[in-house]
Each structure stands twice: as C-alpha cells, then as structure tokens.
Amino acid sequence: MLELHKLPFLAMGTECAVHLYAADRAEAERCAQAAIDEVERIESRHSRYRADSELTRLNRAAQCGGSVAVDDETAALLDFAFAAHKKSAGLFDVTSGLLRKAWDFTSARLPKQETLDELLPRVGLDKLRWKPPCLSFAVPGMELDFGGIGKEYAADRAAEVCRAAGSRHGLIDLGGDIRIIGPHPGGEPWSIAIRHPRQPDAWMASAEIDSGALATSGNYERCIDIGVNRYGHILHPATGWPAAGLCSVSVIADQCLVAGTISTIAMLKGVAGIDWLRGLGVPHVWMDEQCRQGGFGSGFREA
C-alpha cells in the first residue's frame, strides 16, 4: 500500500518539498533525493551568487561587452528567454535583474530616479546577440539573471527525475512553484491553496490539478510598503519601477516554466494583463490592488 511522504529541503533561497507516494519511507527518500540533487545541480549552475556558476561565467563576459559560448542546457534556457521576451513585447527580460542594484526590499526607502536612469541603458535583451551557441553583449556592464525562470525550470526537471526514478504519484513544491508528478493513487487531483496577497493567514483561491503545473507571481513576498502604496519586486524593464495594477496572478499550464512566465508577464502588464490572460485561454486567477478577483478557469475555485 502506498503512503504519502513529505520530504522538505531548502533551495534557491526558499522552503521546498517533495511530496511522494511510496511503499515505504526509504523508497520515498531515494526518489526525493534524486529530485533534490537535480534542484541543487541547477542552482549551482545558474545562481548569480556563486563565483563558480555558469551564469557567473556569462556575466563576466557581459561586464566587458564580450562574447561567450554556452552549453546545451543554457542554450535551451536562453532560447526560452528570448522567445518569452519577444512574445511579451519586451516585458519579460532576463537582463532586468540588474535593477536590483537600485532596489533594497529589506529597507523602507525607494531608489532615486537618477540611480535607475544610470542602470536602464544596460537593461534590454534586445541589446544582446544570440546566435547559438554564442551569446554576445554589445553593451558592457549588462547582466543575465535567471531568477525569473530558474526555480520553475528546476521544478519541471525535478518532477521528470522523480518519474524516471519510478514515482507516479506526487508533486514538487519549490517555494509555491508546483509541478505535478502524478495524481493521488486513486486518481484524485491535488488541492493546492493560493495565498491571499493582502492577508498572510488567508487564501484567495485553491487549485485542483492532477497533472501539469501551477505558478504564482505576486507583489507580496519581497516588497516595500510606504503609506498605502506597495512596491513589489517584479520590476518593469523599461522604467525600473515595480509592476502595478495587479497584486497576484496564478496560472495552470503543462510546465511550471510556462506557468511562471505567463503569470509574471501578466503582472508586468498590470490591469491590461486581465484581458491578455483571458485571450490566452489558460486557467488562471488574479487579484488586483483593490482586492477584486477574477479568472477562475478550469481547476480553480474561489476561497
């Protein structure tokens, strides 16, 4: 008889867990460890905090405006990043992480406009030349930051590793980015609560899914509150200022990487993201800054 096991771990700066049905704890731990190893491998390769990471190697070339050849995995991530940049009309931009130099979300201070103005000329994926496997930086001092896709990509890979190891029922949770391995043994979907962005102890909605992925983007994990205004960490690459209009977007898609990208683009579009999401036809739920909710496509239920 299969039993559900939860195996928590820390990665990518957040609390994570592998939830697996297995015949015993030892089997669950064996499968979960393979998934955890894969998450840690991806973090070690694509973290901007590690001096020996592949991303740091790319950013060393970026600092001097040079060119660098990349491996197949990094090339696939760059292909995705460039495609998302194009489909979002430049909103989804993996060079915008440079703007963190102006923003300190541990303080209660906003950056000076002149600081942002100094950084913005070095933001823009369209300033790079991507001719696989060679990436060229025309403007010295730029940076790549895979923070907007790394965790989601890792969730997808971890689920694939679990399936390859024989698991058929479970899910990967990387700080709220969810990838389903398979439904409960009886075929029932997983019920996943989605946090209310303004009420930390409440839920705004829930999702019931037996396959695919769920990702949420919002302005409440890292933010600055000044008066009635909240400034979240999702920064617009053209202005350097936080996205405004929506405070949470959750999306269900086949892959966590896709779900996370769609939810982030919607946040960056602000209230215009509501119609954009509707046009995509993906299951989603959103909340705006007045705490109005909408979406609730297939799989979502209001709290």
Protein backbone atom coordinates (compact mmCIF):
# COMPACT_ATOMS: atom_id res chain seq x y z
CA MET A 1 0.00 0.00 0.00
CA LEU A 2 1.31 3.42 -0.97
CA GLU A 3 1.70 6.08 1.71
CA LEU A 4 2.25 9.82 1.26
CA HIS A 5 5.62 11.16 2.40
CA LYS A 6 6.70 14.81 2.62
CA LEU A 7 10.43 15.45 2.32
CA PRO A 8 11.29 19.12 2.95
CA PHE A 9 14.52 20.84 1.95
CA LEU A 10 15.91 24.33 1.38
CA ALA A 11 16.99 25.52 -2.06
CA MET A 12 17.08 28.71 -4.11
CA GLY A 13 16.50 30.79 -1.01
CA THR A 14 13.14 29.25 -0.15
CA GLU A 15 11.43 26.36 1.60
CA CYS A 16 10.83 23.44 -0.75
CA ALA A 17 9.37 19.95 -0.50
CA VAL A 18 8.95 16.74 -2.44
CA HIS A 19 5.58 15.05 -1.79
CA LEU A 20 5.63 11.41 -2.85
CA TYR A 21 3.53 8.30 -2.51
CA ALA A 22 5.75 5.28 -1.95
CA ALA A 23 5.65 1.80 -0.44
CA ASP A 24 7.92 2.92 2.40
CA ARG A 25 9.96 5.87 3.64
CA ALA A 26 13.21 4.51 2.23
CA GLU A 27 11.77 4.37 -1.29
CA ALA A 28 10.39 7.90 -0.95
CA GLU A 29 13.74 9.21 0.29
CA ARG A 30 15.61 7.55 -2.58
CA CYS A 31 13.39 9.14 -5.20
CA ALA A 32 13.21 12.50 -3.43
CA GLN A 33 16.99 12.70 -3.07
CA ALA A 34 17.37 12.32 -6.84
CA ALA A 35 15.00 15.26 -7.30
CA ILE A 36 16.76 17.34 -4.64
CA ASP A 37 20.12 16.62 -6.27
CA GLU A 38 18.75 17.89 -9.57
CA VAL A 39 17.44 21.10 -8.00
CA GLU A 40 20.80 21.68 -6.33
CA ARG A 41 22.61 21.00 -9.61
CA ILE A 42 20.52 23.61 -11.41
CA GLU A 43 21.01 26.12 -8.60
CA SER A 44 24.78 25.61 -8.63
CA ARG A 45 24.91 26.18 -12.40
CA HIS A 46 22.59 29.15 -12.69
CA SER A 47 22.95 31.05 -9.42
CA ARG A 48 24.28 34.59 -9.60
CA TYR A 49 25.53 34.19 -6.03
CA ARG A 50 28.13 31.54 -6.86
CA ALA A 51 31.51 32.54 -8.22
CA ASP A 52 31.87 29.17 -9.99
CA SER A 53 28.43 29.05 -11.66
CA GLU A 54 27.82 29.03 -15.38
CA LEU A 55 25.76 32.21 -15.02
CA THR A 56 28.68 33.99 -13.34
CA ARG A 57 30.88 32.96 -16.25
CA LEU A 58 28.39 34.53 -18.67
CA ASN A 59 28.20 37.70 -16.61
CA ARG A 60 31.96 38.07 -16.59
CA ALA A 61 31.76 38.27 -20.38
CA ALA A 62 28.84 40.69 -20.06
CA GLN A 63 30.86 43.05 -17.88
CA CYS A 64 33.37 43.69 -20.65
CA GLY A 65 30.93 43.50 -23.56
CA GLY A 66 32.37 40.24 -24.81
CA SER A 67 31.10 37.01 -26.34
CA VAL A 68 30.81 33.56 -24.83
CA ALA A 69 29.80 30.07 -25.98
CA VAL A 70 27.25 28.19 -23.87
CA ASP A 71 26.33 24.54 -23.35
CA ASP A 72 23.11 22.89 -24.50
CA GLU A 73 21.17 23.37 -21.24
CA THR A 74 21.99 27.07 -21.01
CA ALA A 75 21.22 27.44 -24.71
CA ALA A 76 17.74 25.98 -24.15
CA LEU A 77 17.10 28.44 -21.31
CA LEU A 78 18.29 31.32 -23.49
CA ASP A 79 16.05 30.17 -26.34
CA PHE A 80 13.12 30.25 -23.93
CA ALA A 81 14.11 33.65 -22.52
CA PHE A 82 14.39 35.22 -25.97
CA ALA A 83 11.05 33.70 -27.06
CA ALA A 84 9.33 35.00 -23.90
CA HIS A 85 10.88 38.42 -24.43
CA LYS A 86 9.51 38.55 -27.97
CA LYS A 87 6.03 37.27 -27.09
CA SER A 88 5.75 39.76 -24.22
CA ALA A 89 6.88 42.73 -26.36
CA GLY A 90 9.97 43.08 -24.19
CA LEU A 91 8.32 42.86 -20.77
CA PHE A 92 9.84 39.51 -19.78
CA ASP A 93 13.53 40.34 -19.70
CA VAL A 94 16.27 38.29 -18.03
CA THR A 95 18.61 41.31 -18.09
CA SER A 96 16.34 43.32 -15.76
CA GLY A 97 17.86 41.70 -12.67
CA LEU A 98 20.48 44.43 -12.87
CA LEU A 99 17.85 46.77 -11.42
CA ARG A 100 18.24 45.07 -8.05
CA LYS A 101 21.29 47.33 -7.60
CA ALA A 102 18.83 50.19 -7.09
CA TRP A 103 16.23 48.35 -5.02
CA ASP A 104 16.64 47.21 -1.43
CA PHE A 105 13.49 45.38 -0.38
CA THR A 106 14.77 44.98 3.16
CA SER A 107 14.52 48.75 3.67
CA ALA A 108 11.65 51.20 3.59
CA ARG A 109 13.30 53.50 1.07
CA LEU A 110 12.65 53.94 -2.62
CA PRO A 111 15.55 54.34 -5.04
CA LYS A 112 16.42 57.67 -6.55
CA GLN A 113 15.35 58.12 -10.15
CA GLU A 114 18.89 59.04 -11.17
CA THR A 115 20.10 55.65 -9.90
CA LEU A 116 17.56 53.88 -12.10
CA ASP A 117 18.46 56.13 -15.03
CA GLU A 118 22.08 55.01 -14.72
CA LEU A 119 21.08 51.32 -14.88
CA LEU A 120 18.37 51.33 -17.55
CA PRO A 121 20.74 51.74 -20.55
CA ARG A 122 22.22 48.36 -19.54
CA VAL A 123 18.83 46.60 -19.45
CA GLY A 124 17.25 45.04 -22.52
CA LEU A 125 17.56 41.57 -24.02
CA ASP A 126 17.35 43.17 -27.45
CA LYS A 127 20.84 44.58 -26.82
CA LEU A 128 22.27 41.04 -26.91
CA ARG A 129 23.08 38.94 -29.95
CA TRP A 130 22.14 35.27 -29.65
CA LYS A 131 23.45 33.03 -32.38
CA PRO A 132 23.61 29.59 -30.76
CA PRO A 133 25.83 28.61 -29.16
CA CYS A 134 27.38 32.09 -28.99
CA LEU A 135 25.97 34.93 -26.88
CA SER A 136 27.37 38.43 -27.41
CA PHE A 137 26.96 41.52 -25.22
CA ALA A 138 27.12 44.77 -27.19
CA VAL A 139 26.80 46.98 -24.10
CA PRO A 140 29.40 46.48 -21.35
CA GLY A 141 28.12 46.15 -17.79
CA MET A 142 24.96 44.16 -18.52
CA GLU A 143 23.92 41.08 -16.54
CA LEU A 144 21.81 37.99 -17.01
CA ASP A 145 19.62 36.84 -14.14
CA PHE A 146 17.74 33.55 -14.39
CA GLY A 147 15.82 34.24 -11.17
CA GLY A 148 12.58 34.53 -13.13
CA ILE A 149 12.89 31.10 -14.73
CA GLY A 150 15.37 29.06 -12.69
CA LYS A 151 13.06 27.86 -9.92
CA GLU A 152 10.31 26.96 -12.37
CA TYR A 153 12.74 25.11 -14.62
CA ALA A 154 14.08 23.24 -11.60
CA ALA A 155 10.55 22.19 -10.56
CA ASP A 156 9.94 20.74 -14.02
CA ARG A 157 13.25 18.90 -14.03
CA ALA A 158 12.77 17.54 -10.50
CA ALA A 159 9.39 16.08 -11.47
CA GLU A 160 10.92 14.46 -14.54
CA VAL A 161 13.68 12.94 -12.38
CA CYS A 162 11.08 11.50 -9.99
CA ARG A 163 9.16 9.92 -12.83
CA ALA A 164 12.38 8.47 -14.24
CA ALA A 165 13.08 7.01 -10.79
CA GLY A 166 9.72 5.22 -10.83
CA SER A 167 7.43 7.64 -8.96
CA ARG A 168 3.93 8.04 -10.40
CA HIS A 169 2.10 9.93 -7.65
CA GLY A 170 3.35 13.14 -6.08
CA LEU A 171 4.34 16.73 -6.62
CA ILE A 172 7.32 19.08 -6.41
CA ASP A 173 6.89 22.32 -4.46
CA LEU A 174 9.67 24.88 -4.83
CA GLY A 175 8.50 27.81 -2.76
CA GLY A 176 4.99 27.72 -4.23
CA ASP A 177 6.01 26.83 -7.77
CA ILE A 178 4.33 23.44 -8.22
CA ARG A 179 4.91 20.67 -10.74
CA ILE A 180 2.74 17.58 -10.54
CA ILE A 181 4.38 14.17 -10.88
CA GLY A 182 1.04 12.39 -10.92
CA PRO A 183 -2.34 12.42 -9.13
CA HIS A 184 -3.14 10.69 -5.86
CA PRO A 185 -3.11 6.88 -6.27
CA GLY A 186 -6.91 6.81 -6.63
CA GLY A 187 -6.74 9.37 -9.43
CA GLU A 188 -7.89 12.33 -7.31
CA PRO A 189 -6.32 15.70 -8.09
CA TRP A 190 -4.10 17.61 -5.69
CA SER A 191 -5.77 20.53 -3.91
CA ILE A 192 -3.40 23.48 -3.61
CA ALA A 193 -4.24 26.65 -1.66
CA ILE A 194 -3.14 30.02 -3.07
CA ARG A 195 -2.18 32.64 -0.52
CA HIS A 196 -4.11 35.90 -0.26
CA PRO A 197 -1.65 38.69 -1.14
CA ARG A 198 -3.03 41.07 1.47
CA GLN A 199 -3.95 38.63 4.25
CA PRO A 200 -0.96 36.40 5.08
CA ASP A 201 -3.03 33.86 7.02
CA ALA A 202 -5.83 33.57 4.43
CA TRP A 203 -6.26 32.02 0.98
CA MET A 204 -7.58 33.80 -2.09
CA ALA A 205 -8.32 30.64 -4.08
CA SER A 206 -7.44 26.98 -4.49
CA ALA A 207 -6.47 24.87 -7.46
CA GLU A 208 -7.23 21.21 -8.09
CA ILE A 209 -4.87 19.65 -10.62
CA ASP A 210 -3.82 16.10 -11.41
CA SER A 211 -1.13 16.96 -13.98
CA GLY A 212 0.86 19.91 -15.23
CA ALA A 213 1.96 22.81 -13.07
CA LEU A 214 0.84 25.80 -11.04
CA ALA A 215 2.86 29.00 -10.58
CA THR A 216 2.05 32.28 -8.87
CA SER A 217 3.57 35.73 -9.27
CA GLY A 218 2.78 38.49 -6.81
CA ASN A 219 3.95 41.65 -5.11
CA TYR A 220 3.86 40.38 -1.53
CA GLU A 221 6.92 38.19 -0.91
CA ARG A 222 9.53 40.92 -1.41
CA CYS A 223 8.13 44.40 -1.25
CA ILE A 224 8.29 47.87 0.27
CA ASP A 225 5.18 49.36 1.84
CA ILE A 226 5.07 53.14 2.04
CA GLY A 227 1.74 54.50 3.19
CA VAL A 228 -0.98 52.83 1.15
CA ASN A 229 1.42 52.03 -1.70
CA ARG A 230 3.16 48.70 -2.15
CA TYR A 231 6.24 48.34 -4.32
CA GLY A 232 6.87 44.72 -5.29
CA HIS A 233 9.98 43.00 -6.63
CA ILE A 234 8.68 42.43 -10.18
CA LEU A 235 10.35 45.34 -11.98
CA HIS A 236 9.40 46.79 -15.35
CA PRO A 237 12.44 46.63 -17.64
CA ALA A 238 11.60 49.93 -19.37
CA THR A 239 11.05 52.08 -16.28
CA GLY A 240 12.87 50.27 -13.49
CA TRP A 241 9.80 50.62 -11.26
CA PRO A 242 7.65 47.79 -9.91
CA ALA A 243 4.72 46.43 -11.84
CA ALA A 244 1.44 47.98 -10.72
CA GLY A 245 -2.26 47.18 -11.07
CA LEU A 246 -2.30 43.50 -10.09
CA CYS A 247 -1.03 42.04 -6.84
CA SER A 248 -1.26 38.31 -7.65
CA VAL A 249 -1.61 36.07 -10.69
CA SER A 250 -1.70 32.26 -10.63
CA VAL A 251 -1.61 30.15 -13.80
CA ILE A 252 -2.00 26.45 -14.58
CA ALA A 253 -0.01 25.13 -17.55
CA ASP A 254 1.66 21.94 -18.72
CA GLN A 255 5.06 23.12 -17.45
CA CYS A 256 5.97 25.21 -14.43
CA LEU A 257 8.38 27.23 -16.58
CA VAL A 258 5.49 28.26 -18.83
CA ALA A 259 3.06 28.90 -15.97
CA GLY A 260 5.57 31.09 -14.15
CA THR A 261 6.45 33.09 -17.24
CA ILE A 262 2.79 33.76 -18.08
CA SER A 263 1.99 34.85 -14.53
CA THR A 264 4.99 37.22 -14.46
CA ILE A 265 4.13 38.77 -17.84
CA ALA A 266 0.56 39.33 -16.65
CA MET A 267 1.86 41.10 -13.53
CA LEU A 268 4.06 43.32 -15.69
CA LYS A 269 1.12 44.20 -17.93
CA GLY A 270 -0.87 45.41 -14.91
CA VAL A 271 -4.63 45.59 -15.35
CA ALA A 272 -4.14 45.04 -19.08
CA GLY A 273 -2.92 41.59 -18.10
CA ILE A 274 -6.50 40.60 -17.25
CA ASP A 275 -7.67 40.70 -20.87
CA TRP A 276 -4.36 39.26 -22.02
CA LEU A 277 -4.80 36.22 -19.77
CA ARG A 278 -8.37 35.77 -20.96
CA GLY A 279 -7.14 35.85 -24.55
CA LEU A 280 -4.55 33.15 -23.90
CA GLY A 281 -7.25 30.81 -22.67
CA VAL A 282 -5.10 29.34 -19.88
CA PRO A 283 -6.66 28.56 -16.49
CA HIS A 284 -5.79 31.44 -14.19
CA VAL A 285 -6.87 33.55 -11.25
CA TRP A 286 -5.88 37.12 -10.46
CA MET A 287 -6.34 39.74 -7.76
CA ASP A 288 -5.93 43.46 -8.38
CA GLU A 289 -4.76 46.15 -5.97
CA GLN A 290 -8.34 46.76 -4.82
CA CYS A 291 -8.56 43.05 -3.87
CA ARG A 292 -11.01 42.30 -6.68
CA GLN A 293 -10.63 38.79 -8.06
CA GLY A 294 -11.24 37.20 -11.41
CA GLY A 295 -10.30 34.44 -13.77
CA PHE A 296 -11.15 31.13 -12.10
CA GLY A 297 -10.64 28.99 -15.16
CA SER A 298 -10.83 25.22 -15.08
CA GLY A 299 -9.13 23.86 -11.97
CA PHE A 300 -9.51 26.99 -9.82
CA ARG A 301 -12.01 27.62 -7.04
CA GLU A 302 -12.62 30.78 -5.06
CA ALA A 303 -11.70 30.55 -1.38
